[in-house]
Amino acid sequence: MGIGLDAALIIVGASLLVLGLLSRVIKRLFLSSVLLALLIGVAVGPEGLAIIDPAGTREERRAMEQLARLTLAIALMGAGLQITRADLRETARSCVSLLTVGMVGMWLVTGLGAWLLLDLPFWAGFLLGAVLTPTDPVVASTLVTGPLAEANLPRGLRRTLQIESGANDGLALPFVLLGALMLTMPDGEAVSEWALEVVKQVGLAVAAGFLLGYAAGKLAELSLRASDLEQPNLLGIGLALALLTLGLVYELGGSGILAVFVAALAFSAVLEEEVRERVGETQDTVTKFFILPAFVFFGAILPWSGWVALGVPGLAFVAWVLLLRRPPVVALSLGMGKRDRRSTAFLAWFGPLGVAAIYYATFIERYPIAESETIFAAASLAIFGSIVVHSITATPGVRLLARRSPLATLTDPLHPESETAP
């Protein structure tokens, strides 16, 4: 990218300072720091002040891929540290439904829309659908954390969205790999290669992530008991574990993204409640620091000419993604007519796109796919639309849900018999 270090420091530092100081004002205006960071990126990019001027398409996307991968790993560690063993038990049925029927449904619906509306080849359309399948933990965390969400949304509802968005980032990889391989290899070879890659990457991620997280938790526990671990150092363990897991599992050939979330869950399960909360609070602060730069740079590399080339079908595709990708699929997978309709409707609407989709949209650059430019343009347009719409509707949605049904009566969609509190 055509930008010096000092200019980058000024942009990122000023963005973090202003958005941090005005965080409550931003919420009252029905906006989000993620949306404003994205708009800052647009303002300093080539279509604005041209402070950031991308040097080349592939180079900028590879840089964005690495930034998105790092941001995603840190966000997943933060989300995982907020989840307890009790949360996993209480939301198990909801999460299993969302991660099976829900994910497959979102992939198929989005892929069908891309194939029908954008005139893409069959597998290119479904590759775009795979890129846009995962719910983003970064944007989702801004919807379900903070005083407003904690005061008005039940814990079970918030944790369901966090667990789903954390797990489906890594579990989207098989869908992405299938589309990429089918476009670049003969069908028979692609399927066999896909099966081997899925078993290796997912299996290794789950096994290595669990072992690393469990071992880190036990070592932290032993160090605390022996007074070998000073309290200030304890607070950086979550970040260290995220970086270690991401790099190690990737080098071993596994999905580092999925491994980080598994490691976070295992680490959280081992720690005592007080220690877990302190580590989690620090990790949440670190996550917020990394979120905004990623969206600033994404805003700077948005392919405006590619959006123009998509024309009206591109806008129709965004509407398809917002209205059909998730709401009907989640309603079907959770049983809209049999469960708490308000909670299910909230989960059905608030499944935002963000860093996870950015990562996969740039990840596929490593494959020689003829339609990669169109896929990136359509994916980035859908991500932009999701961030705008979900950011604007988040605060009103939380307040509307709380006003129509007091917190004490809201439940986990698949556990209407058990009331949940913050």
Protein backbone atom coordinates (compact mmCIF):
# COMPACT_ATOMS: atom_id res chain seq x y z
CA MET A 1 0.00 0.00 0.00
CA GLY A 2 1.17 3.51 -0.74
CA ILE A 3 1.28 4.69 2.86
CA GLY A 4 4.12 5.47 5.24
CA LEU A 5 4.38 4.24 8.81
CA ASP A 6 3.84 7.69 10.30
CA ALA A 7 0.67 8.25 8.23
CA ALA A 8 -0.65 4.84 9.28
CA LEU A 9 0.06 5.62 12.94
CA ILE A 10 -1.73 8.96 12.68
CA ILE A 11 -4.82 7.44 11.03
CA VAL A 12 -5.10 4.46 13.38
CA GLY A 13 -4.24 6.44 16.52
CA ALA A 14 -6.68 9.24 15.77
CA SER A 15 -9.43 6.75 14.90
CA LEU A 16 -8.97 4.78 18.12
CA LEU A 17 -8.86 7.95 20.21
CA VAL A 18 -11.94 9.61 18.74
CA LEU A 19 -14.08 6.46 18.55
CA GLY A 20 -13.09 5.49 22.09
CA LEU A 21 -13.92 8.89 23.56
CA LEU A 22 -17.28 9.01 21.78
CA SER A 23 -18.34 5.38 22.28
CA ARG A 24 -21.53 6.18 24.21
CA VAL A 25 -22.49 8.98 21.84
CA ILE A 26 -22.04 6.61 18.89
CA LYS A 27 -24.45 4.10 20.44
CA ARG A 28 -27.03 6.81 21.12
CA LEU A 29 -26.87 7.82 17.45
CA PHE A 30 -27.66 4.21 16.40
CA LEU A 31 -24.19 3.80 14.92
CA SER A 32 -21.22 1.58 15.75
CA SER A 33 -17.48 2.04 16.01
CA VAL A 34 -17.05 -0.64 13.32
CA LEU A 35 -19.19 1.31 10.85
CA LEU A 36 -17.39 4.56 11.60
CA ALA A 37 -13.97 2.89 11.25
CA LEU A 38 -15.08 1.57 7.86
CA LEU A 39 -16.17 5.06 6.79
CA ILE A 40 -12.87 6.51 8.01
CA GLY A 41 -11.12 4.01 5.74
CA VAL A 42 -13.24 5.17 2.81
CA ALA A 43 -12.41 8.81 3.64
CA VAL A 44 -8.63 8.26 3.72
CA GLY A 45 -8.64 5.85 0.77
CA PRO A 46 -8.14 6.57 -2.94
CA GLU A 47 -11.78 7.64 -3.39
CA GLY A 48 -11.41 10.17 -0.57
CA LEU A 49 -8.31 12.00 0.62
CA ALA A 50 -6.00 9.39 -0.96
CA ILE A 51 -3.84 9.20 2.16
CA ILE A 52 -3.97 5.43 1.70
CA ASP A 53 -3.50 4.56 -1.96
CA PRO A 54 -3.39 0.80 -2.63
CA ALA A 55 -0.42 -0.13 -4.79
CA GLY A 56 -1.77 -3.33 -6.37
CA THR A 57 -4.85 -5.52 -6.18
CA ARG A 58 -3.30 -8.83 -5.17
CA GLU A 59 -0.75 -7.29 -2.83
CA GLU A 60 -3.35 -5.30 -0.96
CA ARG A 61 -5.63 -8.30 -0.59
CA ARG A 62 -2.85 -10.52 0.74
CA ALA A 63 -2.05 -7.82 3.31
CA MET A 64 -5.76 -7.60 4.16
CA GLU A 65 -5.93 -11.39 4.53
CA GLN A 66 -3.15 -11.40 7.13
CA LEU A 67 -4.62 -8.45 9.02
CA ALA A 68 -8.06 -10.08 9.00
CA ARG A 69 -6.59 -13.42 10.16
CA LEU A 70 -4.84 -11.77 13.08
CA THR A 71 -7.87 -9.65 14.02
CA LEU A 72 -10.15 -12.66 13.81
CA ALA A 73 -7.92 -14.77 16.06
CA ILE A 74 -7.74 -12.08 18.73
CA ALA A 75 -11.51 -11.52 18.58
CA LEU A 76 -12.18 -15.26 18.85
CA MET A 77 -9.99 -15.50 21.95
CA GLY A 78 -11.92 -12.63 23.51
CA ALA A 79 -15.28 -14.22 22.68
CA GLY A 80 -14.22 -17.66 23.92
CA LEU A 81 -13.02 -16.33 27.27
CA GLN A 82 -16.51 -14.99 28.00
CA ILE A 83 -18.07 -18.43 27.59
CA THR A 84 -18.29 -20.82 30.55
CA ARG A 85 -19.01 -24.54 30.67
CA ALA A 86 -22.52 -23.68 31.86
CA ASP A 87 -23.02 -21.49 28.79
CA LEU A 88 -22.01 -24.37 26.52
CA ARG A 89 -24.46 -26.74 28.22
CA GLU A 90 -27.37 -24.31 28.22
CA THR A 91 -26.99 -23.24 24.59
CA ALA A 92 -25.89 -26.59 23.16
CA ARG A 93 -29.05 -27.36 21.20
CA SER A 94 -29.31 -23.87 19.75
CA CYS A 95 -25.67 -23.82 18.69
CA VAL A 96 -25.71 -27.32 17.17
CA SER A 97 -28.74 -26.36 15.07
CA LEU A 98 -27.15 -23.11 13.94
CA LEU A 99 -23.82 -24.78 13.12
CA THR A 100 -25.37 -27.61 11.10
CA VAL A 101 -28.72 -26.81 9.49
CA GLY A 102 -28.08 -23.09 9.82
CA MET A 103 -24.65 -23.04 8.18
CA VAL A 104 -25.59 -25.37 5.33
CA GLY A 105 -28.76 -23.39 4.73
CA MET A 106 -26.95 -20.03 4.67
CA TRP A 107 -24.38 -21.41 2.24
CA LEU A 108 -26.99 -22.82 -0.13
CA VAL A 109 -29.27 -19.78 -0.06
CA THR A 110 -26.41 -17.31 -0.56
CA GLY A 111 -24.80 -19.42 -3.27
CA LEU A 112 -28.11 -19.73 -5.09
CA GLY A 113 -28.56 -15.96 -4.98
CA ALA A 114 -25.06 -15.37 -6.35
CA TRP A 115 -25.61 -17.87 -9.16
CA LEU A 116 -29.01 -16.45 -10.13
CA LEU A 117 -28.38 -12.73 -9.75
CA LEU A 118 -24.71 -12.24 -10.63
CA ASP A 119 -24.50 -14.57 -13.62
CA LEU A 120 -21.61 -16.46 -12.04
CA PRO A 121 -20.74 -20.08 -12.91
CA PHE A 122 -22.33 -22.56 -10.53
CA TRP A 123 -19.31 -23.24 -8.32
CA ALA A 124 -18.17 -19.60 -8.38
CA GLY A 125 -21.59 -18.62 -7.05
CA PHE A 126 -21.43 -21.18 -4.28
CA LEU A 127 -17.85 -20.17 -3.45
CA LEU A 128 -19.16 -16.64 -2.93
CA GLY A 129 -21.92 -18.16 -0.80
CA ALA A 130 -19.29 -19.93 1.31
CA VAL A 131 -17.33 -16.71 1.79
CA LEU A 132 -20.47 -15.04 3.15
CA THR A 133 -21.63 -17.96 5.30
CA PRO A 134 -19.89 -17.25 8.63
CA THR A 135 -21.41 -14.88 11.15
CA ASP A 136 -18.77 -12.44 12.27
CA PRO A 137 -17.60 -12.55 15.92
CA VAL A 138 -16.09 -9.08 15.67
CA VAL A 139 -19.26 -7.27 14.61
CA ALA A 140 -21.45 -9.64 16.66
CA SER A 141 -19.48 -8.82 19.81
CA THR A 142 -20.31 -5.14 19.36
CA LEU A 143 -24.01 -6.09 19.29
CA VAL A 144 -24.11 -8.33 22.37
CA THR A 145 -21.57 -6.71 24.69
CA GLY A 146 -21.64 -3.44 26.58
CA PRO A 147 -24.08 -1.99 29.12
CA LEU A 148 -27.07 -1.72 26.75
CA ALA A 149 -26.93 -5.35 25.57
CA GLU A 150 -26.13 -6.75 29.01
CA ALA A 151 -29.01 -4.83 30.57
CA ASN A 152 -31.58 -5.81 27.94
CA LEU A 153 -30.59 -9.17 26.45
CA PRO A 154 -30.53 -12.46 28.35
CA ARG A 155 -27.20 -14.18 28.78
CA GLY A 156 -28.31 -17.27 26.87
CA LEU A 157 -29.22 -15.23 23.81
CA ARG A 158 -25.94 -13.31 23.84
CA ARG A 159 -23.84 -16.41 24.36
CA THR A 160 -25.64 -18.32 21.59
CA LEU A 161 -24.68 -15.65 19.06
CA GLN A 162 -21.10 -15.52 20.39
CA ILE A 163 -20.61 -19.30 20.26
CA GLU A 164 -22.17 -19.59 16.80
CA SER A 165 -20.14 -16.71 15.37
CA GLY A 166 -16.96 -18.04 16.97
CA ALA A 167 -17.31 -21.61 15.75
CA ASN A 168 -18.66 -21.02 12.27
CA ASP A 169 -15.66 -18.92 11.25
CA GLY A 170 -13.46 -22.00 11.24
CA LEU A 171 -16.22 -24.37 10.16
CA ALA A 172 -16.84 -22.27 7.04
CA LEU A 173 -13.47 -23.41 5.70
CA PRO A 174 -14.81 -26.73 4.26
CA PHE A 175 -17.41 -24.81 2.22
CA VAL A 176 -14.79 -22.35 0.94
CA LEU A 177 -12.34 -25.13 0.08
CA LEU A 178 -15.01 -27.08 -1.80
CA GLY A 179 -15.83 -24.15 -4.07
CA ALA A 180 -12.19 -23.20 -4.64
CA LEU A 181 -11.09 -26.75 -5.45
CA MET A 182 -14.04 -27.45 -7.74
CA LEU A 183 -13.11 -24.35 -9.74
CA THR A 184 -9.41 -25.18 -10.06
CA MET A 185 -9.20 -29.01 -10.28
CA PRO A 186 -10.98 -31.84 -12.14
CA ASP A 187 -14.11 -32.88 -10.26
CA GLY A 188 -12.87 -36.28 -9.07
CA GLU A 189 -9.55 -34.96 -7.86
CA ALA A 190 -11.20 -31.93 -6.26
CA VAL A 191 -13.56 -34.03 -4.12
CA SER A 192 -10.83 -36.36 -2.85
CA GLU A 193 -8.48 -33.45 -2.18
CA TRP A 194 -11.29 -31.61 -0.40
CA ALA A 195 -12.06 -34.57 1.87
CA LEU A 196 -8.41 -34.94 2.87
CA GLU A 197 -8.02 -31.21 3.53
CA VAL A 198 -11.19 -31.01 5.64
CA VAL A 199 -10.23 -33.97 7.81
CA LYS A 200 -6.71 -32.65 8.26
CA GLN A 201 -7.47 -29.00 8.85
CA VAL A 202 -10.58 -29.33 11.01
CA GLY A 203 -9.37 -32.38 12.93
CA LEU A 204 -5.99 -30.86 13.65
CA ALA A 205 -7.58 -27.55 14.66
CA VAL A 206 -9.91 -29.17 17.19
CA ALA A 207 -7.27 -31.47 18.69
CA ALA A 208 -4.43 -28.95 18.82
CA GLY A 209 -6.67 -26.10 19.94
CA PHE A 210 -8.05 -28.13 22.85
CA LEU A 211 -4.62 -29.33 23.96
CA LEU A 212 -3.07 -25.88 23.78
CA GLY A 213 -5.94 -24.20 25.61
CA TYR A 214 -6.18 -26.86 28.29
CA ALA A 215 -2.42 -26.92 28.85
CA ALA A 216 -2.25 -23.11 29.03
CA GLY A 217 -5.05 -23.06 31.59
CA LYS A 218 -3.43 -25.70 33.76
CA LEU A 219 -0.03 -24.02 33.58
CA ALA A 220 -1.55 -20.66 34.51
CA GLU A 221 -3.33 -22.30 37.43
CA LEU A 222 -0.12 -23.97 38.67
CA SER A 223 1.89 -20.76 38.29
CA LEU A 224 -0.65 -18.79 40.27
CA ARG A 225 -0.64 -21.32 43.09
CA ALA A 226 3.16 -21.32 43.20
CA SER A 227 3.22 -17.50 43.00
CA ASP A 228 5.44 -17.75 39.92
CA LEU A 229 3.04 -15.76 37.77
CA GLU A 230 2.73 -12.06 38.51
CA GLN A 231 -0.73 -10.57 38.11
CA PRO A 232 0.20 -8.12 35.31
CA ASN A 233 1.61 -10.99 33.23
CA LEU A 234 -1.56 -13.01 33.73
CA LEU A 235 -3.53 -10.43 31.81
CA GLY A 236 -1.52 -10.97 28.61
CA ILE A 237 -1.91 -14.74 28.52
CA GLY A 238 -5.05 -14.65 26.35
CA LEU A 239 -3.26 -12.69 23.64
CA ALA A 240 -0.19 -14.92 23.86
CA LEU A 241 -2.32 -18.06 23.57
CA ALA A 242 -4.18 -16.65 20.53
CA LEU A 243 -0.94 -15.84 18.71
CA LEU A 244 0.71 -19.16 19.60
CA THR A 245 -2.30 -21.21 18.52
CA LEU A 246 -2.87 -19.28 15.31
CA GLY A 247 0.74 -19.59 14.15
CA LEU A 248 1.46 -23.13 15.33
CA VAL A 249 -1.69 -24.78 13.98
CA TYR A 250 -1.36 -22.97 10.66
CA GLU A 251 2.24 -24.19 10.31
CA LEU A 252 1.08 -27.75 11.10
CA GLY A 253 -1.47 -27.54 8.29
CA GLY A 254 -4.64 -26.96 10.29
CA SER A 255 -7.23 -24.21 10.49
CA GLY A 256 -5.66 -21.71 12.87
CA ILE A 257 -8.92 -19.73 13.12
CA LEU A 258 -10.94 -22.69 14.40
CA ALA A 259 -8.09 -23.79 16.66
CA VAL A 260 -7.98 -20.40 18.41
CA PHE A 261 -11.67 -20.57 19.32
CA VAL A 262 -11.36 -24.14 20.59
CA ALA A 263 -8.29 -23.13 22.60
CA ALA A 264 -10.20 -20.19 24.09
CA LEU A 265 -13.07 -22.44 25.18
CA ALA A 266 -10.68 -24.98 26.75
CA PHE A 267 -8.65 -22.23 28.43
CA SER A 268 -11.81 -20.61 29.81
CA ALA A 269 -13.12 -23.93 31.14
CA VAL A 270 -9.95 -24.55 33.18
CA LEU A 271 -9.56 -21.12 34.79
CA GLU A 272 -11.28 -20.14 37.99
CA GLU A 273 -14.15 -17.69 37.52
CA GLU A 274 -12.38 -14.66 38.96
CA VAL A 275 -9.19 -15.26 36.97
CA ARG A 276 -11.14 -15.97 33.77
CA GLU A 277 -13.08 -12.73 34.07
CA ARG A 278 -9.92 -10.68 34.59
CA VAL A 279 -8.15 -12.27 31.63
CA GLY A 280 -11.30 -11.87 29.55
CA GLU A 281 -11.63 -8.16 30.34
CA THR A 282 -8.06 -7.52 29.22
CA GLN A 283 -8.55 -9.58 26.07
CA ASP A 284 -11.69 -7.60 25.29
CA THR A 285 -9.66 -4.38 25.45
CA VAL A 286 -7.00 -5.84 23.16
CA THR A 287 -9.71 -7.00 20.74
CA LYS A 288 -11.18 -3.50 20.49
CA PHE A 289 -7.72 -2.15 19.71
CA PHE A 290 -7.29 -4.55 16.76
CA ILE A 291 -10.84 -4.36 15.39
CA LEU A 292 -10.83 -0.77 14.22
CA PRO A 293 -7.58 -0.76 12.18
CA ALA A 294 -8.81 -3.79 10.23
CA PHE A 295 -11.99 -2.00 9.20
CA VAL A 296 -10.14 1.22 8.41
CA PHE A 297 -7.90 -0.62 5.94
CA PHE A 298 -10.80 -2.60 4.53
CA GLY A 299 -12.63 0.67 3.87
CA ALA A 300 -9.56 1.96 2.04
CA ILE A 301 -9.39 -0.98 -0.38
CA LEU A 302 -13.08 -1.26 -1.27
CA PRO A 303 -13.37 -1.96 -5.03
CA TRP A 304 -15.62 0.89 -6.11
CA SER A 305 -15.14 0.21 -9.82
CA GLY A 306 -16.03 -3.42 -9.20
CA TRP A 307 -19.24 -2.35 -7.45
CA VAL A 308 -20.17 -0.14 -10.38
CA ALA A 309 -19.57 -3.08 -12.74
CA LEU A 310 -21.97 -5.22 -10.71
CA GLY A 311 -24.72 -2.64 -11.24
CA VAL A 312 -28.30 -3.31 -10.18
CA PRO A 313 -27.73 -7.11 -9.82
CA GLY A 314 -25.10 -6.32 -7.19
CA LEU A 315 -27.60 -4.30 -5.14
CA ALA A 316 -30.18 -7.05 -5.57
CA PHE A 317 -27.64 -9.55 -4.31
CA VAL A 318 -27.00 -7.45 -1.19
CA ALA A 319 -30.75 -7.35 -0.51
CA TRP A 320 -30.89 -11.13 -1.04
CA VAL A 321 -28.07 -11.65 1.46
CA LEU A 322 -29.60 -9.38 4.11
CA LEU A 323 -33.13 -10.74 3.84
CA LEU A 324 -32.73 -14.39 2.79
CA ARG A 325 -29.25 -15.56 3.82
CA ARG A 326 -30.06 -15.81 7.52
CA PRO A 327 -33.60 -14.88 8.73
CA PRO A 328 -35.58 -17.74 7.13
CA VAL A 329 -32.77 -20.25 7.64
CA VAL A 330 -32.42 -19.53 11.36
CA ALA A 331 -36.19 -19.49 11.83
CA LEU A 332 -36.33 -22.94 10.23
CA SER A 333 -33.36 -24.40 12.13
CA LEU A 334 -34.55 -23.14 15.53
CA GLY A 335 -38.26 -23.75 14.99
CA MET A 336 -39.79 -20.28 14.89
CA GLY A 337 -43.32 -21.40 15.62
CA LYS A 338 -42.46 -23.64 18.56
CA ARG A 339 -40.05 -21.49 20.57
CA ASP A 340 -39.63 -17.97 21.90
CA ARG A 341 -40.37 -16.02 18.74
CA ARG A 342 -38.81 -12.75 19.89
CA SER A 343 -35.47 -14.31 20.80
CA THR A 344 -35.43 -16.39 17.63
CA ALA A 345 -36.27 -13.33 15.52
CA PHE A 346 -33.37 -11.44 17.13
CA LEU A 347 -30.93 -14.26 16.33
CA ALA A 348 -32.35 -14.56 12.83
CA TRP A 349 -31.76 -10.91 12.01
CA PHE A 350 -28.49 -10.18 13.82
CA GLY A 351 -26.05 -12.43 12.00
CA PRO A 352 -23.71 -9.76 10.63
CA LEU A 353 -20.92 -10.14 8.11
CA GLY A 354 -17.49 -8.73 8.89
CA VAL A 355 -13.87 -9.77 9.39
CA ALA A 356 -14.56 -13.48 8.87
CA ALA A 357 -16.03 -12.84 5.42
CA ILE A 358 -13.21 -10.39 4.64
CA TYR A 359 -10.70 -13.10 5.54
CA TYR A 360 -12.25 -15.72 3.26
CA ALA A 361 -12.80 -13.21 0.43
CA THR A 362 -9.05 -12.56 0.44
CA PHE A 363 -8.06 -16.15 1.34
CA ILE A 364 -9.30 -17.43 -2.04
CA GLU A 365 -6.75 -15.19 -3.82
CA ARG A 366 -4.25 -18.05 -3.39
CA TYR A 367 -6.28 -20.09 -5.93
CA PRO A 368 -6.22 -19.29 -9.69
CA ILE A 369 -9.94 -18.53 -9.92
CA ALA A 370 -11.03 -16.65 -13.03
CA GLU A 371 -13.98 -15.01 -11.25
CA SER A 372 -11.98 -13.81 -8.23
CA GLU A 373 -12.46 -10.10 -9.06
CA THR A 374 -16.24 -10.46 -9.27
CA ILE A 375 -16.33 -12.57 -6.13
CA PHE A 376 -14.35 -10.02 -4.14
CA ALA A 377 -16.44 -7.13 -5.44
CA ALA A 378 -19.73 -8.86 -4.57
CA ALA A 379 -18.46 -10.08 -1.21
CA SER A 380 -17.15 -6.66 -0.17
CA LEU A 381 -20.41 -5.01 -1.23
CA ALA A 382 -22.42 -7.48 0.85
CA ILE A 383 -20.09 -7.00 3.83
CA PHE A 384 -20.38 -3.21 3.52
CA GLY A 385 -24.18 -3.45 3.34
CA SER A 386 -24.35 -5.77 6.34
CA ILE A 387 -22.16 -3.54 8.49
CA VAL A 388 -24.26 -0.47 7.64
CA VAL A 389 -27.65 -2.13 8.15
CA HIS A 390 -26.82 -4.19 11.23
CA SER A 391 -24.99 -1.30 12.90
CA ILE A 392 -27.93 1.04 12.41
CA THR A 393 -30.54 -1.50 13.57
CA ALA A 394 -28.58 -2.93 16.53
CA THR A 395 -29.48 -0.42 19.26
CA PRO A 396 -33.15 -0.04 18.20
CA GLY A 397 -33.41 -3.83 17.93
CA VAL A 398 -32.10 -4.41 21.45
CA ARG A 399 -34.42 -1.77 22.88
CA LEU A 400 -37.43 -3.06 20.97
CA LEU A 401 -36.84 -6.61 22.15
CA ALA A 402 -36.44 -5.48 25.76
CA ARG A 403 -39.52 -3.23 25.65
CA ARG A 404 -41.78 -5.89 24.22
CA SER A 405 -40.63 -8.52 26.66
CA PRO A 406 -38.92 -7.78 29.99
CA LEU A 407 -35.51 -9.38 30.48
CA ALA A 408 -36.80 -11.86 33.03
CA THR A 409 -39.14 -13.41 30.45
CA LEU A 410 -36.66 -13.71 27.58
CA THR A 411 -35.19 -17.13 27.00
CA ASP A 412 -32.75 -19.10 24.94
CA PRO A 413 -34.74 -19.98 21.78
CA LEU A 414 -34.24 -23.72 22.27
CA HIS A 415 -34.58 -23.61 26.05
CA PRO A 416 -37.83 -21.74 26.70
CA GLU A 417 -38.20 -23.54 30.01
CA SER A 418 -35.05 -21.94 31.50
CA GLU A 419 -35.04 -18.20 32.00
CA THR A 420 -31.69 -16.50 31.57
CA ALA A 421 -30.24 -13.41 33.16
CA PRO A 422 -27.25 -11.31 32.20
